[in-house]
Amino acid sequence: MNKTRQAPSARRIIGMVVGVIIIAFGPFIQFFDGHFAQKVLKYKQEKE
C-alpha cells in the first residue's frame, strides 16, 4: 500500500501558531511590563 503524505489540517496549523506566539511573547510581555507599564502606573511590588 502506498501512503501519501497528507497536509496538516487548518486546526493543527492554527494550534501550532498559537503555541509559538504564546512562547515568543512571554518574555516580550515581561520586559514591557517591567520597563514601561510599572513605571507609568507607578506600581511598586510588595516585598515579603
PDB file of N, CA and C in Angstrom:
ATOM      1  N   MET A   1       0.833  -1.181   0.000  1.00  0.00           N
ATOM      2  CA  MET A   1       0.000   0.000   0.000  1.00  0.00           C
ATOM      3  C   MET A   1       0.882   1.250   0.000  1.00  0.00           C
ATOM      4  N   ASN A   2       0.546   2.179  -0.829  1.00  0.00           N
ATOM      5  CA  ASN A   2       1.287   3.429  -0.939  1.00  0.00           C
ATOM      6  C   ASN A   2       0.619   4.502  -0.094  1.00  0.00           C
ATOM      7  N   LYS A   3       1.331   5.014   0.903  1.00  0.00           N
ATOM      8  CA  LYS A   3       0.743   6.060   1.735  1.00  0.00           C
ATOM      9  C   LYS A   3       1.236   7.413   1.230  1.00  0.00           C
ATOM     10  N   THR A   4       0.294   8.275   0.938  1.00  0.00           N
ATOM     11  CA  THR A   4       0.679   9.619   0.512  1.00  0.00           C
ATOM     12  C   THR A   4       0.680  10.522   1.737  1.00  0.00           C
ATOM     13  N   ARG A   5       1.588  11.455   1.719  1.00  0.00           N
ATOM     14  CA  ARG A   5       1.681  12.378   2.859  1.00  0.00           C
ATOM     15  C   ARG A   5       0.525  13.361   2.803  1.00  0.00           C
ATOM     16  N   GLN A   6      -0.189  13.460   3.930  1.00  0.00           N
ATOM     17  CA  GLN A   6      -1.346  14.330   3.993  1.00  0.00           C
ATOM     18  C   GLN A   6      -0.936  15.688   4.551  1.00  0.00           C
ATOM     19  N   ALA A   7      -1.506  16.735   4.008  1.00  0.00           N
ATOM     20  CA  ALA A   7      -1.228  18.076   4.506  1.00  0.00           C
ATOM     21  C   ALA A   7      -1.868  18.237   5.880  1.00  0.00           C
ATOM     22  N   PRO A   8      -1.203  18.963   6.787  1.00  0.00           N
ATOM     23  CA  PRO A   8      -1.791  19.158   8.114  1.00  0.00           C
ATOM     24  C   PRO A   8      -3.077  19.979   8.036  1.00  0.00           C
ATOM     25  N   SER A   9      -3.990  19.686   8.927  1.00  0.00           N
ATOM     26  CA  SER A   9      -5.268  20.386   8.907  1.00  0.00           C
ATOM     27  C   SER A   9      -5.085  21.822   9.390  1.00  0.00           C
ATOM     28  N   ALA A  10      -6.063  22.646   9.079  1.00  0.00           N
ATOM     29  CA  ALA A  10      -6.013  24.060   9.480  1.00  0.00           C
ATOM     30  C   ALA A  10      -6.008  24.176  10.995  1.00  0.00           C
ATOM     31  N   ARG A  11      -6.743  23.301  11.669  1.00  0.00           N
ATOM     32  CA  ARG A  11      -6.800  23.348  13.139  1.00  0.00           C
ATOM     33  C   ARG A  11      -5.416  23.097  13.734  1.00  0.00           C
ATOM     34  N   ARG A  12      -4.681  22.151  13.166  1.00  0.00           N
ATOM     35  CA  ARG A  12      -3.344  21.847  13.675  1.00  0.00           C
ATOM     36  C   ARG A  12      -2.386  23.013  13.425  1.00  0.00           C
ATOM     37  N   ILE A  13      -2.487  23.621  12.252  1.00  0.00           N
ATOM     38  CA  ILE A  13      -1.615  24.762  11.934  1.00  0.00           C
ATOM     39  C   ILE A  13      -1.903  25.922  12.873  1.00  0.00           C
ATOM     40  N   ILE A  14      -3.185  26.224  13.083  1.00  0.00           N
ATOM     41  CA  ILE A  14      -3.556  27.315  13.984  1.00  0.00           C
ATOM     42  C   ILE A  14      -3.065  27.023  15.399  1.00  0.00           C
ATOM     43  N   GLY A  15      -3.196  25.787  15.841  1.00  0.00           N
ATOM     44  CA  GLY A  15      -2.725  25.421  17.170  1.00  0.00           C
ATOM     45  C   GLY A  15      -1.231  25.619  17.324  1.00  0.00           C
ATOM     46  N   MET A  16      -0.480  25.241  16.316  1.00  0.00           N
ATOM     47  CA  MET A  16       0.978  25.417  16.380  1.00  0.00           C
ATOM     48  C   MET A  16       1.348  26.894  16.384  1.00  0.00           C
ATOM     49  N   VAL A  17       0.668  27.694  15.569  1.00  0.00           N
ATOM     50  CA  VAL A  17       0.955  29.131  15.509  1.00  0.00           C
ATOM     51  C   VAL A  17       0.649  29.786  16.856  1.00  0.00           C
ATOM     52  N   VAL A  18      -0.484  29.431  17.457  1.00  0.00           N
ATOM     53  CA  VAL A  18      -0.842  29.998  18.760  1.00  0.00           C
ATOM     54  C   VAL A  18       0.196  29.600  19.811  1.00  0.00           C
ATOM     55  N   GLY A  19       0.651  28.350  19.775  1.00  0.00           N
ATOM     56  CA  GLY A  19       1.674  27.907  20.715  1.00  0.00           C
ATOM     57  C   GLY A  19       2.963  28.689  20.566  1.00  0.00           C
ATOM     58  N   VAL A  20       3.387  28.915  19.342  1.00  0.00           N
ATOM     59  CA  VAL A  20       4.616  29.680  19.104  1.00  0.00           C
ATOM     60  C   VAL A  20       4.451  31.123  19.575  1.00  0.00           C
ATOM     61  N   ILE A  21       3.285  31.710  19.320  1.00  0.00           N
ATOM     62  CA  ILE A  21       3.043  33.089  19.744  1.00  0.00           C
ATOM     63  C   ILE A  21       3.088  33.195  21.269  1.00  0.00           C
ATOM     64  N   ILE A  22       2.471  32.242  21.959  1.00  0.00           N
ATOM     65  CA  ILE A  22       2.467  32.276  23.425  1.00  0.00           C
ATOM     66  C   ILE A  22       3.888  32.169  23.962  1.00  0.00           C
ATOM     67  N   ILE A  23       4.676  31.265  23.397  1.00  0.00           N
ATOM     68  CA  ILE A  23       6.057  31.087  23.870  1.00  0.00           C
ATOM     69  C   ILE A  23       6.909  32.308  23.535  1.00  0.00           C
ATOM     70  N   ALA A  24       6.721  32.881  22.356  1.00  0.00           N
ATOM     71  CA  ALA A  24       7.556  34.001  21.923  1.00  0.00           C
ATOM     72  C   ALA A  24       7.196  35.302  22.634  1.00  0.00           C
ATOM     73  N   PHE A  25       5.921  35.516  22.927  1.00  0.00           N
ATOM     74  CA  PHE A  25       5.511  36.787  23.501  1.00  0.00           C
ATOM     75  C   PHE A  25       5.645  36.844  25.015  1.00  0.00           C
ATOM     76  N   GLY A  26       5.856  35.724  25.691  1.00  0.00           N
ATOM     77  CA  GLY A  26       6.010  35.735  27.136  1.00  0.00           C
ATOM     78  C   GLY A  26       7.134  36.645  27.605  1.00  0.00           C
ATOM     79  N   PRO A  27       8.355  36.448  27.120  1.00  0.00           N
ATOM     80  CA  PRO A  27       9.457  37.324  27.540  1.00  0.00           C
ATOM     81  C   PRO A  27       9.248  38.786  27.127  1.00  0.00           C
ATOM     82  N   PHE A  28       8.641  39.003  25.958  1.00  0.00           N
ATOM     83  CA  PHE A  28       8.388  40.373  25.489  1.00  0.00           C
ATOM     84  C   PHE A  28       7.423  41.084  26.430  1.00  0.00           C
ATOM     85  N   ILE A  29       6.365  40.399  26.832  1.00  0.00           N
ATOM     86  CA  ILE A  29       5.386  40.997  27.733  1.00  0.00           C
ATOM     87  C   ILE A  29       6.021  41.268  29.095  1.00  0.00           C
ATOM     88  N   GLN A  30       6.843  40.357  29.572  1.00  0.00           N
ATOM     89  CA  GLN A  30       7.512  40.544  30.856  1.00  0.00           C
ATOM     90  C   GLN A  30       8.459  41.752  30.792  1.00  0.00           C
ATOM     91  N   PHE A  31       9.189  41.895  29.691  1.00  0.00           N
ATOM     92  CA  PHE A  31      10.096  43.038  29.511  1.00  0.00           C
ATOM     93  C   PHE A  31       9.306  44.337  29.475  1.00  0.00           C
ATOM     94  N   PHE A  32       8.233  44.368  28.700  1.00  0.00           N
ATOM     95  CA  PHE A  32       7.421  45.574  28.579  1.00  0.00           C
ATOM     96  C   PHE A  32       6.823  45.960  29.930  1.00  0.00           C
ATOM     97  N   ASP A  33       6.324  44.971  30.651  1.00  0.00           N
ATOM     98  CA  ASP A  33       5.710  45.232  31.954  1.00  0.00           C
ATOM     99  C   ASP A  33       6.736  45.803  32.930  1.00  0.00           C
ATOM    100  N   GLY A  34       7.910  45.215  32.963  1.00  0.00           N
ATOM    101  CA  GLY A  34       8.923  45.658  33.913  1.00  0.00           C
ATOM    102  C   GLY A  34       9.526  47.009  33.599  1.00  0.00           C
ATOM    103  N   HIS A  35       9.667  47.346  32.322  1.00  0.00           N
ATOM    104  CA  HIS A  35      10.373  48.567  31.962  1.00  0.00           C
ATOM    105  C   HIS A  35       9.458  49.754  31.658  1.00  0.00           C
ATOM    106  N   PHE A  36       8.211  49.495  31.300  1.00  0.00           N
ATOM    107  CA  PHE A  36       7.345  50.598  30.906  1.00  0.00           C
ATOM    108  C   PHE A  36       6.079  50.696  31.742  1.00  0.00           C
ATOM    109  N   ALA A  37       5.306  49.631  31.800  1.00  0.00           N
ATOM    110  CA  ALA A  37       3.990  49.691  32.432  1.00  0.00           C
ATOM    111  C   ALA A  37       4.090  50.015  33.923  1.00  0.00           C
ATOM    112  N   GLN A  38       5.004  49.381  34.634  1.00  0.00           N
ATOM    113  CA  GLN A  38       5.107  49.618  36.080  1.00  0.00           C
ATOM    114  C   GLN A  38       5.545  51.048  36.372  1.00  0.00           C
ATOM    115  N   LYS A  39       6.401  51.617  35.525  1.00  0.00           N
ATOM    116  CA  LYS A  39       6.838  52.999  35.743  1.00  0.00           C
ATOM    117  C   LYS A  39       5.715  53.978  35.443  1.00  0.00           C
ATOM    118  N   VAL A  40       4.951  53.707  34.399  1.00  0.00           N
ATOM    119  CA  VAL A  40       3.854  54.602  34.034  1.00  0.00           C
ATOM    120  C   VAL A  40       2.766  54.571  35.094  1.00  0.00           C
ATOM    121  N   LEU A  41       2.478  53.368  35.598  1.00  0.00           N
ATOM    122  CA  LEU A  41       1.418  53.228  36.591  1.00  0.00           C
ATOM    123  C   LEU A  41       1.918  53.452  38.020  1.00  0.00           C
ATOM    124  N   LYS A  42       3.220  53.699  38.169  1.00  0.00           N
ATOM    125  CA  LYS A  42       3.858  53.879  39.481  1.00  0.00           C
ATOM    126  C   LYS A  42       3.539  52.710  40.404  1.00  0.00           C
ATOM    127  N   TYR A  43       3.677  51.512  39.840  1.00  0.00           N
ATOM    128  CA  TYR A  43       3.387  50.274  40.566  1.00  0.00           C
ATOM    129  C   TYR A  43       4.613  49.854  41.348  1.00  0.00           C
ATOM    130  N   LYS A  44       4.441  49.564  42.634  1.00  0.00           N
ATOM    131  CA  LYS A  44       5.531  49.062  43.440  1.00  0.00           C
ATOM    132  C   LYS A  44       5.155  47.691  43.971  1.00  0.00           C
ATOM    133  N   GLN A  45       6.001  46.728  43.728  1.00  0.00           N
ATOM    134  CA  GLN A  45       5.726  45.356  44.172  1.00  0.00           C
ATOM    135  C   GLN A  45       6.001  45.272  45.671  1.00  0.00           C
ATOM    136  N   GLU A  46       5.075  44.633  46.371  1.00  0.00           N
ATOM    137  CA  GLU A  46       5.255  44.477  47.814  1.00  0.00           C
ATOM    138  C   GLU A  46       6.323  43.449  48.091  1.00  0.00           C
ATOM    139  N   LYS A  47       7.216  43.765  49.019  1.00  0.00           N
ATOM    140  CA  LYS A  47       8.247  42.801  49.407  1.00  0.00           C
ATOM    141  C   LYS A  47       7.779  42.029  50.617  1.00  0.00           C
ATOM    142  N   GLU A  48       8.023  40.746  50.579  1.00  0.00           N
ATOM    143  CA  GLU A  48       7.597  39.904  51.703  1.00  0.00           C
ATOM    144  C   GLU A  48       8.721  39.703  52.684  1.00  0.00           C
TER     145      GLU A  48
END
